[in-house]
Amino acid sequence: MPQRSAGLLLHRRSGSGIEVLLVHPGGPFWARRDDGAWSIPKGTYEPEAEDGFAAAKREFAEETGTDADAAMKGEPAALGSFRQSSAKIVDVWAAEGDLDPGTLVSNTFQMEWPLRSGRMIEVPEVDRAQWFAPEAAARKILKGQRQVLEALLRHLASG
């Protein structure tokens, strides 16, 4: 059974068009990775135990340090469920809103680094956030999440 994640894709209109907010994973494994490494703010949840949209808002707050309701400026839209990999399905909501990437305060987690060293370090789950135009976002976002970006653009084009 694939793991379920819930995420919130924040978007805004700028002078040059639509921009989407993506986050970059923290930790040494991702430190030098850029293209194909960014993600929507998201995290795991159990659909039997928690509402998906509530989980998406919780994960947004944990990864950005900003309450999702405060960041959203409009009604959220369910974009759907997307298979990110054979092991993960992501349920995604989109909302127009705003967030200053400079205010990012992510939760942290412990990991062994270097691998198999027995040494534990604490790293942020997300080390930065940034607004991207759709073309740049398509390069930056994880391959398995490009379909989420495409769904948002279709949703916005349909009115």
C-alpha atoms as a PDB file:
ATOM      1  CA  MET A   1       0.000   0.000   0.000  1.00  0.00           C
ATOM      2  CA  PRO A   2       1.542   3.346  -1.009  1.00  0.00           C
ATOM      3  CA  GLN A   3       2.274   5.943   1.643  1.00  0.00           C
ATOM      4  CA  ARG A   4      -0.074   8.976   1.552  1.00  0.00           C
ATOM      5  CA  SER A   5       1.081  12.560   1.771  1.00  0.00           C
ATOM      6  CA  ALA A   6      -0.927  15.769   1.762  1.00  0.00           C
ATOM      7  CA  GLY A   7       0.333  19.069   0.414  1.00  0.00           C
ATOM      8  CA  LEU A   8      -0.643  22.655  -0.229  1.00  0.00           C
ATOM      9  CA  LEU A   9       0.525  24.416  -3.387  1.00  0.00           C
ATOM     10  CA  LEU A  10       0.425  28.157  -2.802  1.00  0.00           C
ATOM     11  CA  HIS A  11       0.324  30.381  -5.888  1.00  0.00           C
ATOM     12  CA  ARG A  12       0.188  34.108  -6.532  1.00  0.00           C
ATOM     13  CA  ARG A  13      -0.128  36.513  -9.397  1.00  0.00           C
ATOM     14  CA  SER A  14       2.798  38.810 -10.081  1.00  0.00           C
ATOM     15  CA  GLY A  15       3.557  41.351 -12.775  1.00  0.00           C
ATOM     16  CA  SER A  16       5.016  38.568 -14.903  1.00  0.00           C
ATOM     17  CA  GLY A  17       2.178  36.068 -14.366  1.00  0.00           C
ATOM     18  CA  ILE A  18       1.654  33.145 -12.005  1.00  0.00           C
ATOM     19  CA  GLU A  19       4.248  32.067  -9.437  1.00  0.00           C
ATOM     20  CA  VAL A  20       4.224  28.989  -7.203  1.00  0.00           C
ATOM     21  CA  LEU A  21       5.856  28.482  -3.826  1.00  0.00           C
ATOM     22  CA  LEU A  22       8.243  25.545  -3.584  1.00  0.00           C
ATOM     23  CA  VAL A  23      10.430  24.393  -0.713  1.00  0.00           C
ATOM     24  CA  HIS A  24      13.888  22.832  -0.769  1.00  0.00           C
ATOM     25  CA  PRO A  25      14.585  19.850   1.514  1.00  0.00           C
ATOM     26  CA  GLY A  26      17.153  20.382   4.235  1.00  0.00           C
ATOM     27  CA  GLY A  27      20.032  18.184   5.240  1.00  0.00           C
ATOM     28  CA  PRO A  28      23.355  17.195   3.740  1.00  0.00           C
ATOM     29  CA  PHE A  29      21.902  14.801   1.137  1.00  0.00           C
ATOM     30  CA  TRP A  30      20.056  17.670  -0.603  1.00  0.00           C
ATOM     31  CA  ALA A  31      22.567  20.467   0.078  1.00  0.00           C
ATOM     32  CA  ARG A  32      24.085  20.536  -3.424  1.00  0.00           C
ATOM     33  CA  ARG A  33      20.966  19.469  -5.336  1.00  0.00           C
ATOM     34  CA  ASP A  34      18.781  22.081  -6.986  1.00  0.00           C
ATOM     35  CA  ASP A  35      17.062  21.193 -10.263  1.00  0.00           C
ATOM     36  CA  GLY A  36      14.647  18.343  -9.613  1.00  0.00           C
ATOM     37  CA  ALA A  37      14.974  18.628  -5.821  1.00  0.00           C
ATOM     38  CA  TRP A  38      12.290  21.147  -4.788  1.00  0.00           C
ATOM     39  CA  SER A  39       8.813  20.179  -3.607  1.00  0.00           C
ATOM     40  CA  ILE A  40       5.457  21.518  -2.571  1.00  0.00           C
ATOM     41  CA  PRO A  41       5.144  21.717   1.228  1.00  0.00           C
ATOM     42  CA  LYS A  42       3.765  18.274   2.095  1.00  0.00           C
ATOM     43  CA  GLY A  43       4.036  15.383   4.474  1.00  0.00           C
ATOM     44  CA  THR A  44       2.671  11.998   5.393  1.00  0.00           C
ATOM     45  CA  TYR A  45      -0.714  11.382   6.936  1.00  0.00           C
ATOM     46  CA  GLU A  46      -3.132   8.543   7.499  1.00  0.00           C
ATOM     47  CA  PRO A  47      -6.404   9.153   5.595  1.00  0.00           C
ATOM     48  CA  GLU A  48      -8.320   6.946   8.050  1.00  0.00           C
ATOM     49  CA  ALA A  49      -7.195   9.103  10.982  1.00  0.00           C
ATOM     50  CA  GLU A  50      -6.902  12.648   9.595  1.00  0.00           C
ATOM     51  CA  ASP A  51      -8.629  14.846   7.033  1.00  0.00           C
ATOM     52  CA  GLY A  52      -6.357  15.360   4.014  1.00  0.00           C
ATOM     53  CA  PHE A  53      -6.743  19.134   3.820  1.00  0.00           C
ATOM     54  CA  ALA A  54      -6.133  19.461   7.565  1.00  0.00           C
ATOM     55  CA  ALA A  55      -2.954  17.401   7.089  1.00  0.00           C
ATOM     56  CA  ALA A  56      -1.870  19.608   4.164  1.00  0.00           C
ATOM     57  CA  LYS A  57      -2.298  22.734   6.318  1.00  0.00           C
ATOM     58  CA  ARG A  58      -0.447  21.104   9.233  1.00  0.00           C
ATOM     59  CA  GLU A  59       2.468  20.126   7.004  1.00  0.00           C
ATOM     60  CA  PHE A  60       2.563  23.603   5.429  1.00  0.00           C
ATOM     61  CA  ALA A  61       2.877  25.141   8.903  1.00  0.00           C
ATOM     62  CA  GLU A  62       5.523  22.628   9.998  1.00  0.00           C
ATOM     63  CA  GLU A  63       7.665  23.184   6.920  1.00  0.00           C
ATOM     64  CA  THR A  64       7.320  26.965   6.551  1.00  0.00           C
ATOM     65  CA  GLY A  65       6.587  28.205  10.071  1.00  0.00           C
ATOM     66  CA  THR A  66       3.518  30.035   8.709  1.00  0.00           C
ATOM     67  CA  ASP A  67      -0.094  29.133   9.427  1.00  0.00           C
ATOM     68  CA  ALA A  68      -1.669  28.026   6.148  1.00  0.00           C
ATOM     69  CA  ASP A  69      -4.905  29.922   6.846  1.00  0.00           C
ATOM     70  CA  ALA A  70      -2.870  33.120   7.261  1.00  0.00           C
ATOM     71  CA  ALA A  71      -0.968  32.504   3.998  1.00  0.00           C
ATOM     72  CA  MET A  72      -4.063  31.670   1.909  1.00  0.00           C
ATOM     73  CA  LYS A  73      -5.964  34.568   0.389  1.00  0.00           C
ATOM     74  CA  GLY A  74      -8.673  32.567  -1.304  1.00  0.00           C
ATOM     75  CA  GLU A  75     -10.616  29.354  -1.175  1.00  0.00           C
ATOM     76  CA  PRO A  76      -8.519  26.212  -1.616  1.00  0.00           C
ATOM     77  CA  ALA A  77      -9.156  23.908  -4.554  1.00  0.00           C
ATOM     78  CA  ALA A  78      -8.573  20.175  -4.442  1.00  0.00           C
ATOM     79  CA  LEU A  79      -6.229  19.402  -7.353  1.00  0.00           C
ATOM     80  CA  GLY A  80      -6.412  15.648  -6.840  1.00  0.00           C
ATOM     81  CA  SER A  81      -4.264  12.686  -5.891  1.00  0.00           C
ATOM     82  CA  PHE A  82      -0.977  12.193  -7.701  1.00  0.00           C
ATOM     83  CA  ARG A  83       1.318   9.178  -7.740  1.00  0.00           C
ATOM     84  CA  GLN A  84       4.732  10.626  -6.945  1.00  0.00           C
ATOM     85  CA  SER A  85       6.428   7.223  -7.022  1.00  0.00           C
ATOM     86  CA  SER A  86       5.511   3.588  -6.646  1.00  0.00           C
ATOM     87  CA  ALA A  87       5.682   4.133  -2.891  1.00  0.00           C
ATOM     88  CA  LYS A  88       3.895   7.487  -2.479  1.00  0.00           C
ATOM     89  CA  ILE A  89       0.620   9.192  -3.433  1.00  0.00           C
ATOM     90  CA  VAL A  90       0.270  12.914  -2.750  1.00  0.00           C
ATOM     91  CA  ASP A  91      -3.145  14.528  -2.197  1.00  0.00           C
ATOM     92  CA  VAL A  92      -2.837  18.192  -3.181  1.00  0.00           C
ATOM     93  CA  TRP A  93      -4.810  21.365  -2.601  1.00  0.00           C
ATOM     94  CA  ALA A  94      -3.992  24.704  -4.210  1.00  0.00           C
ATOM     95  CA  ALA A  95      -4.744  28.178  -2.950  1.00  0.00           C
ATOM     96  CA  GLU A  96      -3.877  31.697  -3.941  1.00  0.00           C
ATOM     97  CA  GLY A  97      -1.856  33.358  -1.231  1.00  0.00           C
ATOM     98  CA  ASP A  98       1.431  34.843  -0.209  1.00  0.00           C
ATOM     99  CA  LEU A  99       4.383  34.046   1.999  1.00  0.00           C
ATOM    100  CA  ASP A 100       7.698  35.834   2.435  1.00  0.00           C
ATOM    101  CA  PRO A 101      10.374  33.128   1.918  1.00  0.00           C
ATOM    102  CA  GLY A 102      12.641  35.092   4.266  1.00  0.00           C
ATOM    103  CA  THR A 103      10.340  34.217   7.182  1.00  0.00           C
ATOM    104  CA  LEU A 104      10.788  30.444   6.723  1.00  0.00           C
ATOM    105  CA  VAL A 105      11.180  28.541   9.981  1.00  0.00           C
ATOM    106  CA  SER A 106      11.041  24.795   9.423  1.00  0.00           C
ATOM    107  CA  ASN A 107      10.715  21.985  11.912  1.00  0.00           C
ATOM    108  CA  THR A 108      13.795  19.791  12.318  1.00  0.00           C
ATOM    109  CA  PHE A 109      14.560  16.091  12.451  1.00  0.00           C
ATOM    110  CA  GLN A 110      17.499  13.923  13.434  1.00  0.00           C
ATOM    111  CA  MET A 111      19.406  11.841  10.953  1.00  0.00           C
ATOM    112  CA  GLU A 112      22.552   9.777  10.927  1.00  0.00           C
ATOM    113  CA  TRP A 113      25.330  11.597   9.057  1.00  0.00           C
ATOM    114  CA  PRO A 114      27.568  10.509   7.545  1.00  0.00           C
ATOM    115  CA  LEU A 115      25.572   7.382   6.786  1.00  0.00           C
ATOM    116  CA  ARG A 116      26.499   4.372   8.941  1.00  0.00           C
ATOM    117  CA  SER A 117      28.702   6.586  11.146  1.00  0.00           C
ATOM    118  CA  GLY A 118      26.513   6.348  14.244  1.00  0.00           C
ATOM    119  CA  ARG A 119      26.641  10.158  14.533  1.00  0.00           C
ATOM    120  CA  MET A 120      23.268  11.922  14.701  1.00  0.00           C
ATOM    121  CA  ILE A 121      22.744  15.483  13.503  1.00  0.00           C
ATOM    122  CA  GLU A 122      19.673  17.713  13.606  1.00  0.00           C
ATOM    123  CA  VAL A 123      18.664  19.313  10.311  1.00  0.00           C
ATOM    124  CA  PRO A 124      15.712  21.387   9.107  1.00  0.00           C
ATOM    125  CA  GLU A 125      13.114  19.505   7.093  1.00  0.00           C
ATOM    126  CA  VAL A 126      13.128  22.464   4.692  1.00  0.00           C
ATOM    127  CA  ASP A 127      16.090  24.814   4.322  1.00  0.00           C
ATOM    128  CA  ARG A 128      14.537  27.445   2.042  1.00  0.00           C
ATOM    129  CA  ALA A 129      11.444  28.463   0.113  1.00  0.00           C
ATOM    130  CA  GLN A 130      11.171  30.403  -3.120  1.00  0.00           C
ATOM    131  CA  TRP A 131       8.577  31.660  -5.600  1.00  0.00           C
ATOM    132  CA  PHE A 132       9.011  30.340  -9.148  1.00  0.00           C
ATOM    133  CA  ALA A 133       7.376  31.067 -12.489  1.00  0.00           C
ATOM    134  CA  PRO A 134       5.863  27.865 -13.943  1.00  0.00           C
ATOM    135  CA  GLU A 135       8.736  27.251 -16.395  1.00  0.00           C
ATOM    136  CA  ALA A 136      11.370  27.478 -13.653  1.00  0.00           C
ATOM    137  CA  ALA A 137       9.192  25.506 -11.229  1.00  0.00           C
ATOM    138  CA  ALA A 138       8.959  22.665 -13.767  1.00  0.00           C
ATOM    139  CA  ARG A 139      12.785  22.427 -13.705  1.00  0.00           C
ATOM    140  CA  LYS A 140      13.106  22.752  -9.928  1.00  0.00           C
ATOM    141  CA  ILE A 141      10.296  20.479  -8.725  1.00  0.00           C
ATOM    142  CA  LEU A 142      10.743  16.752  -8.139  1.00  0.00           C
ATOM    143  CA  LYS A 143       9.979  14.793 -11.301  1.00  0.00           C
ATOM    144  CA  GLY A 144       7.112  12.980  -9.567  1.00  0.00           C
ATOM    145  CA  GLN A 145       5.447  16.299  -8.685  1.00  0.00           C
ATOM    146  CA  ARG A 146       5.541  17.958 -12.133  1.00  0.00           C
ATOM    147  CA  GLN A 147       2.037  16.637 -12.732  1.00  0.00           C
ATOM    148  CA  VAL A 148       0.857  18.681  -9.714  1.00  0.00           C
ATOM    149  CA  LEU A 149       2.175  21.851 -11.311  1.00  0.00           C
ATOM    150  CA  GLU A 150       0.478  20.947 -14.607  1.00  0.00           C
ATOM    151  CA  ALA A 151      -2.822  20.333 -12.792  1.00  0.00           C
ATOM    152  CA  LEU A 152      -2.595  23.753 -11.134  1.00  0.00           C
ATOM    153  CA  LEU A 153      -2.017  25.471 -14.469  1.00  0.00           C
ATOM    154  CA  ARG A 154      -5.005  23.648 -16.006  1.00  0.00           C
ATOM    155  CA  HIS A 155      -7.137  24.600 -13.005  1.00  0.00           C
ATOM    156  CA  LEU A 156      -6.160  28.276 -13.271  1.00  0.00           C
ATOM    157  CA  ALA A 157      -6.729  28.311 -17.042  1.00  0.00           C
ATOM    158  CA  SER A 158     -10.245  26.894 -16.601  1.00  0.00           C
ATOM    159  CA  GLY A 159     -11.235  29.846 -14.446  1.00  0.00           C
END
